[in-house]
């Protein structure tokens, strides 16, 4: 019963958010991690690098397990959950299988990597359907399949206040890192406040 109540509450929250978003104007702001002594001292850059390394491990693990060459053993994307990626088996520089703990990406960020793979598959599916229509007209586009990546260049931060949030006048906090990150660009938000423009922070992309 508790689970049903929780699901109903989540559904209601999503509905209210969608209703609120319908009347809002989307704005995008770019914040840059400052290349300064304080960030270097706290190890920000090494930590951020590991977000992308672990993201690559998860992405490639998904691709390996959904490969059509596995036949009946190939998994469906819908079967993956972030909980199973607390450890990941991946290739080292000598192409050997190694298992590593995922210590930097939190649950929401692991889920974001899985979701990005799902969106990529959906996009490929749409292209294939369009190809089927074009084939009748004697013209098709080349459509491939999801591939292993040598690097991940972006990770979605979905939930403001949980995955990411402003933590000071010139600092930001990202899930998993126990220190605030000094950033440049917060002046943009202060300008909105100065002119009386109300805003609500939502998702972000770590690049």
N, C-alpha and C. Protein backbone atom coordinates (compact mmCIF):
# COMPACT_ATOMS: atom_id res chain seq x y z
N UNK A 1 0.83 -1.20 0.00
CA UNK A 1 0.00 0.00 0.00
C UNK A 1 0.87 1.26 0.00
N UNK A 2 1.97 1.23 0.78
CA UNK A 2 2.87 2.36 0.84
C UNK A 2 3.45 2.67 -0.53
N UNK A 3 3.76 1.61 -1.29
CA UNK A 3 4.30 1.78 -2.63
C UNK A 3 3.28 2.45 -3.55
N UNK A 4 2.01 2.06 -3.43
CA UNK A 4 0.95 2.64 -4.26
C UNK A 4 0.78 4.12 -3.95
N UNK A 5 0.85 4.46 -2.68
CA UNK A 5 0.74 5.86 -2.27
C UNK A 5 1.91 6.68 -2.82
N UNK A 6 3.11 6.09 -2.72
CA UNK A 6 4.31 6.76 -3.22
C UNK A 6 4.23 6.99 -4.72
N UNK A 7 3.79 5.96 -5.48
CA UNK A 7 3.66 6.09 -6.94
C UNK A 7 2.63 7.14 -7.32
N UNK A 8 1.53 7.19 -6.55
CA UNK A 8 0.48 8.17 -6.82
C UNK A 8 0.99 9.59 -6.59
N UNK A 9 1.82 9.74 -5.54
CA UNK A 9 2.39 11.04 -5.21
C UNK A 9 3.37 11.49 -6.29
N UNK A 10 4.19 10.54 -6.78
CA UNK A 10 5.16 10.84 -7.84
C UNK A 10 4.41 11.26 -9.12
N UNK A 11 3.34 10.54 -9.43
CA UNK A 11 2.55 10.84 -10.63
C UNK A 11 1.93 12.23 -10.53
N UNK A 12 1.44 12.56 -9.34
CA UNK A 12 0.83 13.88 -9.12
C UNK A 12 1.88 14.99 -9.26
N UNK A 13 3.08 14.75 -8.72
CA UNK A 13 4.16 15.73 -8.80
C UNK A 13 4.57 15.98 -10.24
N UNK A 14 4.68 14.89 -11.03
CA UNK A 14 5.04 15.02 -12.44
C UNK A 14 3.98 15.82 -13.20
N UNK A 15 2.72 15.55 -12.90
CA UNK A 15 1.61 16.24 -13.57
C UNK A 15 1.65 17.74 -13.28
N UNK A 16 1.91 18.09 -12.03
CA UNK A 16 2.00 19.50 -11.64
C UNK A 16 3.19 20.18 -12.31
N UNK A 17 4.30 19.44 -12.40
CA UNK A 17 5.50 19.99 -13.05
C UNK A 17 5.25 20.25 -14.53
N UNK A 18 4.61 19.29 -15.21
CA UNK A 18 4.29 19.46 -16.64
C UNK A 18 3.38 20.66 -16.86
N UNK A 19 2.41 20.81 -15.98
CA UNK A 19 1.48 21.93 -16.08
C UNK A 19 2.21 23.27 -15.90
N UNK A 20 3.12 23.31 -14.93
CA UNK A 20 3.89 24.52 -14.68
C UNK A 20 4.84 24.83 -15.83
N UNK A 21 5.50 23.80 -16.36
CA UNK A 21 6.44 23.98 -17.47
C UNK A 21 5.74 24.52 -18.73
N UNK A 22 4.48 24.17 -18.91
CA UNK A 22 3.75 24.58 -20.11
C UNK A 22 3.66 26.09 -20.25
N UNK A 23 3.72 26.81 -19.14
CA UNK A 23 3.60 28.27 -19.18
C UNK A 23 4.95 28.97 -19.01
N UNK A 24 6.03 28.20 -19.00
CA UNK A 24 7.35 28.77 -18.80
C UNK A 24 8.13 28.86 -20.11
N UNK A 25 9.09 29.78 -20.15
CA UNK A 25 9.96 29.94 -21.32
C UNK A 25 11.30 29.29 -21.02
N UNK A 26 11.74 28.33 -21.85
CA UNK A 26 13.03 27.68 -21.59
C UNK A 26 14.21 28.61 -21.87
N UNK A 27 15.14 28.67 -20.95
CA UNK A 27 16.36 29.44 -21.11
C UNK A 27 17.55 28.54 -20.83
N UNK A 28 18.64 28.77 -21.53
CA UNK A 28 19.85 27.98 -21.33
C UNK A 28 21.01 28.90 -20.92
N UNK A 29 21.71 28.52 -19.87
CA UNK A 29 22.87 29.28 -19.41
C UNK A 29 24.07 28.35 -19.34
N UNK A 30 25.22 28.89 -19.68
CA UNK A 30 26.46 28.10 -19.64
C UNK A 30 27.32 28.55 -18.47
N UNK A 31 27.65 27.61 -17.61
CA UNK A 31 28.55 27.87 -16.50
C UNK A 31 29.88 27.14 -16.77
N UNK A 32 30.99 27.78 -16.49
CA UNK A 32 32.29 27.16 -16.72
C UNK A 32 33.02 26.95 -15.40
N UNK A 33 33.61 25.77 -15.26
CA UNK A 33 34.40 25.48 -14.07
C UNK A 33 35.66 26.34 -14.12
N UNK A 34 35.88 27.08 -13.06
CA UNK A 34 37.02 28.00 -13.04
C UNK A 34 38.35 27.24 -12.90
N UNK A 35 39.30 27.64 -13.72
CA UNK A 35 40.63 27.05 -13.65
C UNK A 35 41.45 27.85 -12.61
N UNK A 36 41.08 27.65 -11.35
CA UNK A 36 41.72 28.42 -10.29
C UNK A 36 42.24 27.51 -9.20
N UNK A 37 43.04 28.09 -8.32
CA UNK A 37 43.74 27.33 -7.28
C UNK A 37 42.78 26.53 -6.40
N UNK A 38 41.63 27.14 -6.02
CA UNK A 38 40.72 26.47 -5.11
C UNK A 38 40.18 25.17 -5.73
N UNK A 39 39.80 25.23 -7.00
CA UNK A 39 39.29 24.03 -7.68
C UNK A 39 40.39 22.97 -7.82
N UNK A 40 41.60 23.42 -8.13
CA UNK A 40 42.71 22.46 -8.28
C UNK A 40 43.02 21.79 -6.95
N UNK A 41 42.94 22.56 -5.88
CA UNK A 41 43.26 22.04 -4.56
C UNK A 41 42.26 20.97 -4.11
N UNK A 42 41.00 21.13 -4.47
CA UNK A 42 39.96 20.17 -4.07
C UNK A 42 39.84 18.98 -5.03
N UNK A 43 40.64 18.99 -6.10
CA UNK A 43 40.62 17.86 -7.04
C UNK A 43 39.42 17.81 -7.95
N UNK A 44 38.81 18.98 -8.21
CA UNK A 44 37.60 19.04 -9.04
C UNK A 44 37.81 18.42 -10.41
N UNK A 45 38.90 18.78 -11.07
CA UNK A 45 39.09 18.35 -12.46
C UNK A 45 39.27 16.85 -12.59
N UNK A 46 40.00 16.24 -11.68
CA UNK A 46 40.16 14.79 -11.70
C UNK A 46 38.82 14.10 -11.43
N UNK A 47 38.06 14.67 -10.50
CA UNK A 47 36.77 14.07 -10.16
C UNK A 47 35.80 14.17 -11.34
N UNK A 48 35.73 15.34 -11.97
CA UNK A 48 34.85 15.51 -13.12
C UNK A 48 35.23 14.56 -14.25
N UNK A 49 36.53 14.37 -14.45
CA UNK A 49 36.99 13.44 -15.48
C UNK A 49 36.44 12.04 -15.25
N UNK A 50 36.38 11.61 -13.99
CA UNK A 50 35.89 10.28 -13.68
C UNK A 50 34.39 10.12 -13.93
N UNK A 51 33.63 11.21 -13.88
CA UNK A 51 32.22 11.14 -14.25
C UNK A 51 32.10 10.59 -15.67
N UNK A 52 32.90 11.14 -16.56
CA UNK A 52 32.83 10.75 -17.97
C UNK A 52 33.43 9.36 -18.22
N UNK A 53 34.46 9.03 -17.47
CA UNK A 53 35.06 7.69 -17.59
C UNK A 53 34.04 6.63 -17.18
N UNK A 54 33.40 6.82 -16.04
CA UNK A 54 32.41 5.85 -15.56
C UNK A 54 31.18 5.83 -16.46
N UNK A 55 30.82 7.00 -17.01
CA UNK A 55 29.71 7.05 -17.96
C UNK A 55 29.99 6.21 -19.19
N UNK A 56 31.26 6.26 -19.64
CA UNK A 56 31.67 5.44 -20.80
C UNK A 56 31.59 3.96 -20.46
N UNK A 57 32.02 3.60 -19.26
CA UNK A 57 31.95 2.19 -18.85
C UNK A 57 30.52 1.69 -18.91
N UNK A 58 29.60 2.48 -18.36
CA UNK A 58 28.18 2.06 -18.33
C UNK A 58 27.61 1.96 -19.74
N UNK A 59 27.87 2.98 -20.56
CA UNK A 59 27.37 2.97 -21.95
C UNK A 59 27.86 1.73 -22.69
N UNK A 60 29.14 1.46 -22.64
CA UNK A 60 29.71 0.33 -23.37
C UNK A 60 29.23 -1.01 -22.82
N UNK A 61 28.98 -1.06 -21.51
CA UNK A 61 28.44 -2.28 -20.92
C UNK A 61 27.04 -2.56 -21.46
N UNK A 62 26.26 -1.49 -21.61
CA UNK A 62 24.90 -1.63 -22.16
C UNK A 62 24.96 -2.12 -23.60
N UNK A 63 25.85 -1.51 -24.39
CA UNK A 63 25.98 -1.89 -25.80
C UNK A 63 26.40 -3.36 -25.92
N UNK A 64 27.34 -3.78 -25.07
CA UNK A 64 27.83 -5.17 -25.11
C UNK A 64 26.71 -6.16 -24.79
N UNK A 65 25.85 -5.79 -23.86
CA UNK A 65 24.80 -6.72 -23.42
C UNK A 65 23.55 -6.71 -24.31
N UNK A 66 23.43 -5.70 -25.17
CA UNK A 66 22.27 -5.63 -26.08
C UNK A 66 22.64 -5.99 -27.51
N UNK A 67 23.87 -6.40 -27.72
CA UNK A 67 24.35 -6.75 -29.06
C UNK A 67 23.49 -7.86 -29.66
N UNK A 68 22.99 -7.63 -30.86
CA UNK A 68 22.13 -8.61 -31.53
C UNK A 68 22.85 -9.92 -31.82
N UNK A 69 24.20 -9.87 -31.84
CA UNK A 69 24.99 -11.09 -32.09
C UNK A 69 24.82 -12.10 -30.96
N UNK A 70 24.34 -11.63 -29.81
CA UNK A 70 24.12 -12.53 -28.67
C UNK A 70 22.85 -13.35 -28.83
N UNK A 71 22.06 -13.01 -29.85
CA UNK A 71 20.83 -13.76 -30.10
C UNK A 71 19.85 -13.67 -28.96
N UNK A 72 19.39 -14.82 -28.48
CA UNK A 72 18.39 -14.86 -27.41
C UNK A 72 18.93 -14.33 -26.09
N UNK A 73 20.26 -14.27 -25.96
CA UNK A 73 20.86 -13.78 -24.72
C UNK A 73 20.97 -12.25 -24.67
N UNK A 74 20.69 -11.61 -25.80
CA UNK A 74 20.77 -10.15 -25.84
C UNK A 74 19.68 -9.54 -24.96
N UNK A 75 20.06 -8.57 -24.15
CA UNK A 75 19.10 -7.93 -23.25
C UNK A 75 18.38 -6.77 -23.92
N UNK A 76 17.19 -6.46 -23.42
CA UNK A 76 16.45 -5.30 -23.89
C UNK A 76 16.86 -4.09 -23.06
N UNK A 77 16.86 -2.92 -23.68
CA UNK A 77 17.25 -1.71 -22.97
C UNK A 77 16.35 -1.44 -21.76
N UNK A 78 15.10 -1.83 -21.89
CA UNK A 78 14.15 -1.58 -20.80
C UNK A 78 14.49 -2.38 -19.54
N UNK A 79 15.36 -3.38 -19.66
CA UNK A 79 15.68 -4.23 -18.51
C UNK A 79 16.76 -3.65 -17.60
N UNK A 80 17.44 -2.61 -18.07
CA UNK A 80 18.55 -2.06 -17.29
C UNK A 80 18.06 -1.10 -16.21
N UNK A 81 18.69 -1.17 -15.05
CA UNK A 81 18.42 -0.22 -13.97
C UNK A 81 19.75 0.30 -13.45
N UNK A 82 19.73 1.47 -12.86
CA UNK A 82 20.97 2.06 -12.37
C UNK A 82 21.62 1.25 -11.24
N UNK A 83 20.80 0.48 -10.51
CA UNK A 83 21.31 -0.27 -9.36
C UNK A 83 22.36 -1.31 -9.75
N UNK A 84 22.23 -1.87 -10.95
CA UNK A 84 23.17 -2.91 -11.37
C UNK A 84 24.53 -2.35 -11.80
N UNK A 85 24.62 -1.03 -11.90
CA UNK A 85 25.88 -0.43 -12.36
C UNK A 85 26.68 0.20 -11.23
N UNK A 86 26.60 -0.40 -10.05
CA UNK A 86 27.48 0.03 -8.97
C UNK A 86 28.89 -0.52 -9.20
N UNK A 87 28.96 -1.59 -9.99
CA UNK A 87 30.24 -2.10 -10.51
C UNK A 87 30.03 -2.37 -12.00
N UNK A 88 31.09 -2.22 -12.77
CA UNK A 88 31.00 -2.40 -14.23
C UNK A 88 32.21 -3.17 -14.73
N UNK A 89 31.97 -4.12 -15.62
CA UNK A 89 33.07 -4.83 -16.28
C UNK A 89 33.36 -4.11 -17.60
N UNK A 90 34.60 -3.72 -17.80
CA UNK A 90 34.97 -2.96 -18.99
C UNK A 90 36.36 -3.40 -19.45
N UNK A 91 36.80 -2.85 -20.56
CA UNK A 91 38.10 -3.19 -21.12
C UNK A 91 39.18 -2.22 -20.62
N UNK A 92 40.37 -2.76 -20.32
CA UNK A 92 41.48 -1.89 -19.98
C UNK A 92 42.26 -1.56 -21.25
N UNK A 93 43.38 -0.87 -21.13
CA UNK A 93 44.14 -0.44 -22.30
C UNK A 93 44.70 -1.61 -23.11
N UNK A 94 44.80 -2.80 -22.48
CA UNK A 94 45.29 -3.98 -23.19
C UNK A 94 44.15 -4.88 -23.66
N UNK A 95 42.92 -4.33 -23.61
CA UNK A 95 41.72 -5.02 -24.06
C UNK A 95 41.35 -6.23 -23.19
N UNK A 96 41.78 -6.19 -21.94
CA UNK A 96 41.39 -7.24 -20.99
C UNK A 96 40.16 -6.80 -20.21
N UNK A 97 39.33 -7.76 -19.82
CA UNK A 97 38.16 -7.45 -19.01
C UNK A 97 38.58 -7.17 -17.57
N UNK A 98 38.13 -6.02 -17.06
CA UNK A 98 38.38 -5.69 -15.65
C UNK A 98 37.06 -5.20 -15.04
N UNK A 99 36.89 -5.44 -13.77
CA UNK A 99 35.69 -4.99 -13.08
C UNK A 99 36.05 -3.87 -12.12
N UNK A 100 35.34 -2.75 -12.24
CA UNK A 100 35.63 -1.58 -11.41
C UNK A 100 34.37 -1.11 -10.70
N UNK A 101 34.55 -0.54 -9.53
CA UNK A 101 33.43 0.07 -8.81
C UNK A 101 33.12 1.43 -9.40
N UNK A 102 31.84 1.76 -9.49
CA UNK A 102 31.42 3.09 -9.93
C UNK A 102 31.25 3.93 -8.67
N UNK A 103 32.23 4.77 -8.41
CA UNK A 103 32.26 5.52 -7.15
C UNK A 103 31.94 7.00 -7.31
N UNK A 104 31.89 7.48 -8.54
CA UNK A 104 31.66 8.91 -8.77
C UNK A 104 30.24 9.22 -9.23
N UNK A 105 29.71 8.42 -10.14
CA UNK A 105 28.35 8.65 -10.64
C UNK A 105 27.32 8.17 -9.63
N UNK A 106 26.45 9.08 -9.19
CA UNK A 106 25.37 8.71 -8.29
C UNK A 106 24.24 8.03 -9.04
N UNK A 107 23.21 7.63 -8.35
CA UNK A 107 22.11 6.86 -8.94
C UNK A 107 21.42 7.62 -10.07
N UNK A 108 21.14 8.91 -9.87
CA UNK A 108 20.46 9.71 -10.90
C UNK A 108 21.30 9.86 -12.15
N UNK A 109 22.62 9.96 -11.96
CA UNK A 109 23.51 10.14 -13.10
C UNK A 109 23.71 8.82 -13.86
N UNK A 110 23.74 7.71 -13.12
CA UNK A 110 23.81 6.40 -13.79
C UNK A 110 22.54 6.19 -14.61
N UNK A 111 21.42 6.58 -14.03
CA UNK A 111 20.14 6.46 -14.73
C UNK A 111 20.12 7.33 -15.99
N UNK A 112 20.76 8.49 -15.92
CA UNK A 112 20.80 9.40 -17.06
C UNK A 112 21.57 8.79 -18.23
N UNK A 113 22.64 8.04 -17.94
CA UNK A 113 23.41 7.38 -19.00
C UNK A 113 22.55 6.31 -19.67
N UNK A 114 21.82 5.54 -18.87
CA UNK A 114 20.92 4.51 -19.42
C UNK A 114 19.86 5.16 -20.29
N UNK A 115 19.31 6.27 -19.80
CA UNK A 115 18.26 6.97 -20.54
C UNK A 115 18.79 7.53 -21.86
N UNK A 116 20.04 7.98 -21.88
CA UNK A 116 20.62 8.50 -23.12
C UNK A 116 20.74 7.39 -24.16
N UNK A 117 21.03 6.17 -23.72
CA UNK A 117 21.11 5.02 -24.63
C UNK A 117 19.72 4.72 -25.19
N UNK A 118 18.71 4.80 -24.34
CA UNK A 118 17.34 4.56 -24.79
C UNK A 118 16.90 5.59 -25.83
N UNK A 119 17.25 6.85 -25.59
CA UNK A 119 16.89 7.90 -26.55
C UNK A 119 17.61 7.68 -27.87
N UNK A 120 18.87 7.24 -27.80
CA UNK A 120 19.63 6.99 -29.03
C UNK A 120 18.99 5.87 -29.85
N UNK A 121 18.53 4.82 -29.17
CA UNK A 121 17.87 3.70 -29.85
C UNK A 121 16.55 4.16 -30.48
N UNK A 122 15.82 4.99 -29.74
CA UNK A 122 14.55 5.51 -30.25
C UNK A 122 14.78 6.35 -31.49
N UNK A 123 15.85 7.15 -31.49
CA UNK A 123 16.19 7.97 -32.65
C UNK A 123 16.53 7.11 -33.86
N UNK A 124 17.30 6.02 -33.62
CA UNK A 124 17.64 5.10 -34.71
C UNK A 124 16.39 4.43 -35.27
N UNK A 125 15.47 4.07 -34.37
CA UNK A 125 14.23 3.42 -34.78
C UNK A 125 13.41 4.34 -35.68
N UNK A 126 13.37 5.62 -35.32
CA UNK A 126 12.64 6.61 -36.12
C UNK A 126 13.26 6.74 -37.51
N UNK A 127 14.60 6.75 -37.56
CA UNK A 127 15.30 6.86 -38.84
C UNK A 127 15.02 5.66 -39.72
N UNK A 128 14.95 4.47 -39.10
CA UNK A 128 14.69 3.26 -39.88
C UNK A 128 13.27 3.26 -40.45
N UNK A 129 12.33 3.78 -39.67
CA UNK A 129 10.95 3.87 -40.15
C UNK A 129 10.86 4.85 -41.33
N UNK A 130 11.60 5.96 -41.21
CA UNK A 130 11.62 6.93 -42.30
C UNK A 130 12.27 6.33 -43.54
N UNK A 131 13.28 5.48 -43.32
CA UNK A 131 13.94 4.81 -44.43
C UNK A 131 12.99 3.91 -45.19
N UNK A 132 12.13 3.24 -44.42
CA UNK A 132 11.15 2.33 -45.04
C UNK A 132 10.23 3.10 -45.98
N UNK A 133 9.89 4.32 -45.59
CA UNK A 133 9.04 5.16 -46.43
C UNK A 133 9.80 5.65 -47.65
N UNK A 134 11.06 6.02 -47.45
CA UNK A 134 11.87 6.53 -48.55
C UNK A 134 12.20 5.43 -49.57
N UNK A 135 12.25 4.20 -49.08
CA UNK A 135 12.60 3.08 -49.96
C UNK A 135 11.61 2.95 -51.10
N UNK A 136 10.37 3.26 -50.79
CA UNK A 136 9.34 3.19 -51.82
C UNK A 136 9.58 4.24 -52.90
N UNK A 137 10.25 5.33 -52.49
CA UNK A 137 10.54 6.40 -53.45
C UNK A 137 11.92 6.22 -54.09
N UNK A 138 12.57 5.10 -53.74
CA UNK A 138 13.87 4.79 -54.34
C UNK A 138 15.03 5.53 -53.72
N UNK A 139 14.85 6.04 -52.50
CA UNK A 139 15.93 6.76 -51.83
C UNK A 139 15.95 6.41 -50.35
N UNK A 140 17.13 6.08 -49.83
CA UNK A 140 17.25 5.75 -48.40
C UNK A 140 18.48 6.41 -47.80
N UNK A 141 18.46 6.58 -46.50
CA UNK A 141 19.62 7.08 -45.77
C UNK A 141 20.30 5.91 -45.09
N UNK A 142 21.57 6.08 -44.79
CA UNK A 142 22.30 5.02 -44.13
C UNK A 142 22.03 5.08 -42.62
N UNK A 143 21.52 4.01 -42.07
CA UNK A 143 21.22 3.95 -40.64
C UNK A 143 22.02 2.83 -40.00
N UNK A 144 22.83 3.16 -39.03
CA UNK A 144 23.66 2.16 -38.38
C UNK A 144 23.04 1.63 -37.10
N UNK A 145 23.85 1.43 -36.09
CA UNK A 145 23.38 0.92 -34.81
C UNK A 145 24.23 1.56 -33.70
N UNK A 146 23.79 1.40 -32.48
CA UNK A 146 24.55 1.98 -31.38
C UNK A 146 25.94 1.36 -31.31
N UNK A 147 26.93 2.19 -31.08
CA UNK A 147 28.32 1.72 -31.08
C UNK A 147 28.99 1.96 -29.73
N UNK A 148 30.07 1.23 -29.51
CA UNK A 148 30.89 1.48 -28.33
C UNK A 148 31.52 2.86 -28.46
N UNK A 149 31.76 3.51 -27.33
CA UNK A 149 32.34 4.85 -27.34
C UNK A 149 33.71 4.86 -26.68
N UNK A 150 34.60 5.63 -27.28
CA UNK A 150 35.93 5.79 -26.68
C UNK A 150 35.88 6.85 -25.59
N UNK A 151 34.82 7.69 -25.61
CA UNK A 151 34.64 8.68 -24.56
C UNK A 151 33.19 9.16 -24.53
N UNK A 152 32.75 9.56 -23.37
CA UNK A 152 31.45 10.20 -23.19
C UNK A 152 31.72 11.68 -23.00
N UNK A 153 31.00 12.53 -23.73
CA UNK A 153 31.28 13.97 -23.67
C UNK A 153 30.22 14.77 -22.92
N UNK A 154 29.12 14.13 -22.54
CA UNK A 154 28.10 14.85 -21.79
C UNK A 154 27.28 13.89 -20.94
N UNK A 155 26.84 14.38 -19.78
CA UNK A 155 26.00 13.60 -18.88
C UNK A 155 24.88 14.52 -18.39
N UNK A 156 23.66 14.06 -18.51
CA UNK A 156 22.52 14.86 -18.07
C UNK A 156 22.38 14.84 -16.55
N UNK A 157 22.11 16.00 -15.99
CA UNK A 157 21.84 16.14 -14.56
C UNK A 157 20.35 16.48 -14.46
N UNK A 158 19.57 15.51 -14.01
CA UNK A 158 18.12 15.63 -14.16
C UNK A 158 17.40 16.41 -13.06
N UNK A 159 17.70 16.13 -11.83
CA UNK A 159 16.90 16.66 -10.73
C UNK A 159 17.61 17.77 -9.98
N UNK A 160 17.14 18.99 -10.19
CA UNK A 160 17.74 20.11 -9.45
C UNK A 160 17.42 19.95 -7.97
N UNK A 161 18.42 20.15 -7.15
CA UNK A 161 18.24 19.98 -5.71
C UNK A 161 18.71 18.62 -5.23
N UNK A 162 18.85 17.68 -6.17
CA UNK A 162 19.33 16.34 -5.83
C UNK A 162 20.62 16.04 -6.59
N UNK A 163 20.54 16.08 -7.91
CA UNK A 163 21.71 15.79 -8.73
C UNK A 163 22.64 17.00 -8.83
N UNK A 164 22.06 18.18 -8.82
CA UNK A 164 22.86 19.40 -8.96
C UNK A 164 22.12 20.57 -8.32
N UNK A 165 22.88 21.56 -7.86
CA UNK A 165 22.25 22.75 -7.30
C UNK A 165 23.27 23.87 -7.07
N UNK A 166 22.78 25.10 -7.06
CA UNK A 166 23.62 26.23 -6.72
C UNK A 166 23.93 26.14 -5.23
N UNK A 167 25.19 26.32 -4.88
CA UNK A 167 25.57 26.20 -3.47
C UNK A 167 26.18 27.48 -2.90
N UNK A 168 26.32 28.50 -3.75
CA UNK A 168 26.89 29.76 -3.30
C UNK A 168 26.85 30.78 -4.42
N UNK A 169 27.28 32.02 -4.15
CA UNK A 169 27.25 33.08 -5.17
C UNK A 169 28.02 32.73 -6.44
N UNK A 170 29.09 31.96 -6.30
CA UNK A 170 29.89 31.56 -7.47
C UNK A 170 30.27 30.09 -7.42
N UNK A 171 29.42 29.29 -6.82
CA UNK A 171 29.75 27.86 -6.70
C UNK A 171 28.54 26.97 -6.97
N UNK A 172 28.86 25.75 -7.37
CA UNK A 172 27.83 24.79 -7.75
C UNK A 172 28.16 23.45 -7.09
N UNK A 173 27.12 22.68 -6.83
CA UNK A 173 27.32 21.35 -6.24
C UNK A 173 26.75 20.29 -7.18
N UNK A 174 27.52 19.24 -7.40
CA UNK A 174 27.07 18.12 -8.24
C UNK A 174 27.13 16.84 -7.42
N UNK A 175 26.11 16.02 -7.57
CA UNK A 175 26.00 14.77 -6.82
C UNK A 175 27.27 13.93 -6.92
N UNK A 176 27.74 13.46 -5.79
CA UNK A 176 28.91 12.58 -5.79
C UNK A 176 30.19 13.26 -5.33
N UNK A 177 30.27 14.57 -5.57
CA UNK A 177 31.48 15.31 -5.18
C UNK A 177 31.19 16.05 -3.88
N UNK A 178 32.03 15.85 -2.88
CA UNK A 178 31.74 16.37 -1.54
C UNK A 178 32.22 17.80 -1.31
N UNK A 179 32.66 18.47 -2.37
CA UNK A 179 33.06 19.87 -2.27
C UNK A 179 32.28 20.70 -3.28
N UNK A 180 32.13 21.98 -3.01
CA UNK A 180 31.51 22.88 -3.97
C UNK A 180 32.49 23.17 -5.10
N UNK A 181 31.95 23.38 -6.28
CA UNK A 181 32.77 23.65 -7.46
C UNK A 181 32.66 25.13 -7.82
N UNK A 182 33.77 25.80 -7.90
CA UNK A 182 33.78 27.21 -8.26
C UNK A 182 33.53 27.34 -9.76
N UNK A 183 32.52 28.15 -10.12
CA UNK A 183 32.16 28.30 -11.52
C UNK A 183 32.06 29.78 -11.90
N UNK A 184 32.19 30.04 -13.20
CA UNK A 184 32.00 31.38 -13.75
C UNK A 184 30.68 31.37 -14.53
N UNK A 185 29.91 32.44 -14.43
CA UNK A 185 28.66 32.52 -15.18
C UNK A 185 27.44 32.73 -14.31
N UNK A 186 27.61 32.74 -13.00
CA UNK A 186 26.48 32.90 -12.10
C UNK A 186 25.88 34.31 -12.19
N UNK A 187 26.66 35.21 -12.77
CA UNK A 187 26.21 36.59 -12.91
C UNK A 187 24.93 36.66 -13.76
N UNK A 188 24.78 35.72 -14.68
CA UNK A 188 23.59 35.69 -15.54
C UNK A 188 22.31 35.55 -14.72
N UNK A 189 22.37 34.69 -13.71
CA UNK A 189 21.20 34.47 -12.86
C UNK A 189 20.96 35.67 -11.95
N UNK A 190 22.03 36.26 -11.47
CA UNK A 190 21.88 37.43 -10.61
C UNK A 190 21.25 38.59 -11.38
N UNK A 191 21.55 38.66 -12.68
CA UNK A 191 20.95 39.71 -13.52
C UNK A 191 19.44 39.50 -13.63
N UNK A 192 19.02 38.24 -13.78
CA UNK A 192 17.58 37.96 -13.85
C UNK A 192 16.89 38.39 -12.56
N UNK A 193 17.52 38.11 -11.45
CA UNK A 193 16.96 38.49 -10.15
C UNK A 193 16.89 40.00 -10.02
N UNK A 194 17.89 40.68 -10.53
CA UNK A 194 17.97 42.14 -10.44
C UNK A 194 16.83 42.81 -11.19
N UNK A 195 16.45 42.24 -12.33
CA UNK A 195 15.38 42.85 -13.13
C UNK A 195 14.01 42.28 -12.76
N UNK A 196 13.98 41.44 -11.71
CA UNK A 196 12.72 40.91 -11.23
C UNK A 196 12.15 39.77 -12.05
N UNK A 197 13.03 39.06 -12.76
CA UNK A 197 12.60 37.94 -13.60
C UNK A 197 12.60 36.66 -12.77
N UNK A 198 11.42 36.07 -12.61
CA UNK A 198 11.34 34.84 -11.83
C UNK A 198 11.76 33.65 -12.69
N UNK A 199 12.54 32.76 -12.12
CA UNK A 199 12.99 31.60 -12.87
C UNK A 199 13.02 30.37 -11.96
N UNK A 200 13.04 29.23 -12.60
CA UNK A 200 13.10 27.95 -11.87
C UNK A 200 14.12 27.06 -12.56
N UNK A 201 15.13 26.66 -11.82
CA UNK A 201 16.17 25.80 -12.41
C UNK A 201 15.66 24.37 -12.54
N UNK A 202 16.00 23.73 -13.66
CA UNK A 202 15.54 22.36 -13.89
C UNK A 202 16.74 21.46 -14.19
N UNK A 203 16.82 20.97 -15.39
CA UNK A 203 17.90 20.06 -15.76
C UNK A 203 19.14 20.82 -16.17
N UNK A 204 20.27 20.09 -16.17
CA UNK A 204 21.54 20.66 -16.61
C UNK A 204 22.31 19.56 -17.35
N UNK A 205 23.32 19.97 -18.08
CA UNK A 205 24.17 19.02 -18.81
C UNK A 205 25.61 19.28 -18.42
N UNK A 206 26.27 18.24 -17.97
CA UNK A 206 27.69 18.32 -17.61
C UNK A 206 28.50 18.00 -18.86
N UNK A 207 29.32 18.97 -19.32
CA UNK A 207 30.12 18.76 -20.53
C UNK A 207 31.58 19.13 -20.30
